[in-house]
C-alpha atoms as a PDB file:
ATOM      1  CA  UNK A   1      20.002   6.740 -28.853  1.00  0.00           C
ATOM      2  CA  UNK A   2      17.082   4.650 -27.621  1.00  0.00           C
ATOM      3  CA  UNK A   3      14.764   2.678 -30.005  1.00  0.00           C
ATOM      4  CA  UNK A   4      11.312   1.648 -28.915  1.00  0.00           C
ATOM      5  CA  UNK A   5       9.060  -0.490 -30.953  1.00  0.00           C
ATOM      6  CA  UNK A   6       5.446  -1.321 -29.861  1.00  0.00           C
ATOM      7  CA  UNK A   7       2.545  -3.304 -31.216  1.00  0.00           C
ATOM      8  CA  UNK A   8      -0.774  -4.554 -29.871  1.00  0.00           C
ATOM      9  CA  UNK A   9      -4.165  -5.988 -30.873  1.00  0.00           C
ATOM     10  CA  UNK A  10      -7.495  -6.905 -29.415  1.00  0.00           C
ATOM     11  CA  UNK A  11     -10.342  -9.295 -30.039  1.00  0.00           C
ATOM     12  CA  UNK A  12     -13.367  -7.086 -30.138  1.00  0.00           C
ATOM     13  CA  UNK A  13     -13.978  -3.550 -28.828  1.00  0.00           C
ATOM     14  CA  UNK A  14     -13.979  -3.672 -25.859  1.00  0.00           C
ATOM     15  CA  UNK A  15     -12.400  -7.136 -25.679  1.00  0.00           C
ATOM     16  CA  UNK A  16      -9.406  -9.066 -24.507  1.00  0.00           C
ATOM     17  CA  UNK A  17      -6.111  -7.759 -25.874  1.00  0.00           C
ATOM     18  CA  UNK A  18      -2.301  -7.820 -25.682  1.00  0.00           C
ATOM     19  CA  UNK A  19       0.609  -5.715 -26.334  1.00  0.00           C
ATOM     20  CA  UNK A  20       4.389  -6.085 -26.850  1.00  0.00           C
ATOM     21  CA  UNK A  21       7.298  -3.511 -26.517  1.00  0.00           C
ATOM     22  CA  UNK A  22      11.023  -3.797 -27.382  1.00  0.00           C
ATOM     23  CA  UNK A  23      13.498  -1.345 -25.983  1.00  0.00           C
ATOM     24  CA  UNK A  24      16.900  -1.225 -27.638  1.00  0.00           C
ATOM     25  CA  UNK A  25      20.023   0.832 -27.001  1.00  0.00           C
ATOM     26  CA  UNK A  26      23.904   0.752 -27.382  1.00  0.00           C
ATOM     27  CA  UNK A  27      25.478   0.517 -23.949  1.00  0.00           C
ATOM     28  CA  UNK A  28      27.713   3.453 -23.285  1.00  0.00           C
ATOM     29  CA  UNK A  29      28.528   3.115 -19.475  1.00  0.00           C
ATOM     30  CA  UNK A  30      31.804   2.456 -17.864  1.00  0.00           C
ATOM     31  CA  UNK A  31      31.546  -1.331 -17.759  1.00  0.00           C
ATOM     32  CA  UNK A  32      34.101  -2.516 -20.443  1.00  0.00           C
ATOM     33  CA  UNK A  33      32.505  -5.823 -20.774  1.00  0.00           C
ATOM     34  CA  UNK A  34      29.318  -4.208 -22.095  1.00  0.00           C
ATOM     35  CA  UNK A  35      30.693  -1.075 -23.818  1.00  0.00           C
ATOM     36  CA  UNK A  36      29.381  -0.795 -27.455  1.00  0.00           C
ATOM     37  CA  UNK A  37      27.150  -3.816 -27.125  1.00  0.00           C
ATOM     38  CA  UNK A  38      23.417  -3.828 -28.204  1.00  0.00           C
ATOM     39  CA  UNK A  39      21.171  -4.161 -25.151  1.00  0.00           C
ATOM     40  CA  UNK A  40      17.535  -5.238 -25.629  1.00  0.00           C
ATOM     41  CA  UNK A  41      14.620  -5.697 -23.383  1.00  0.00           C
ATOM     42  CA  UNK A  42      11.298  -7.243 -24.231  1.00  0.00           C
ATOM     43  CA  UNK A  43       7.979  -6.300 -22.301  1.00  0.00           C
ATOM     44  CA  UNK A  44       4.638  -8.058 -23.045  1.00  0.00           C
ATOM     45  CA  UNK A  45       1.311  -8.327 -21.384  1.00  0.00           C
ATOM     46  CA  UNK A  46      -2.553  -8.844 -21.752  1.00  0.00           C
ATOM     47  CA  UNK A  47      -5.555  -7.039 -20.731  1.00  0.00           C
ATOM     48  CA  UNK A  48      -8.865  -8.779 -19.891  1.00  0.00           C
ATOM     49  CA  UNK A  49     -12.219  -7.576 -21.325  1.00  0.00           C
ATOM     50  CA  UNK A  50     -13.889  -5.318 -18.758  1.00  0.00           C
ATOM     51  CA  UNK A  51     -17.683  -5.741 -17.654  1.00  0.00           C
ATOM     52  CA  UNK A  52     -18.403  -2.136 -18.075  1.00  0.00           C
ATOM     53  CA  UNK A  53     -17.130   0.832 -20.155  1.00  0.00           C
ATOM     54  CA  UNK A  54     -17.078   3.103 -17.205  1.00  0.00           C
ATOM     55  CA  UNK A  55     -13.644   3.936 -15.724  1.00  0.00           C
ATOM     56  CA  UNK A  56     -13.373   4.456 -11.943  1.00  0.00           C
END
């Protein structure tokens, strides 16, 4: 099973914003050192305000 948690916000619409995601799973591969362990990876970033609302 894979769990994915996300959240985000912005200041204004449109405006600068950010997001975050956490990916979690239990390792089930062949490496005995990691077998059964919780593996987590965090991703985050930001988005700047665009000068126009038209997408190219």
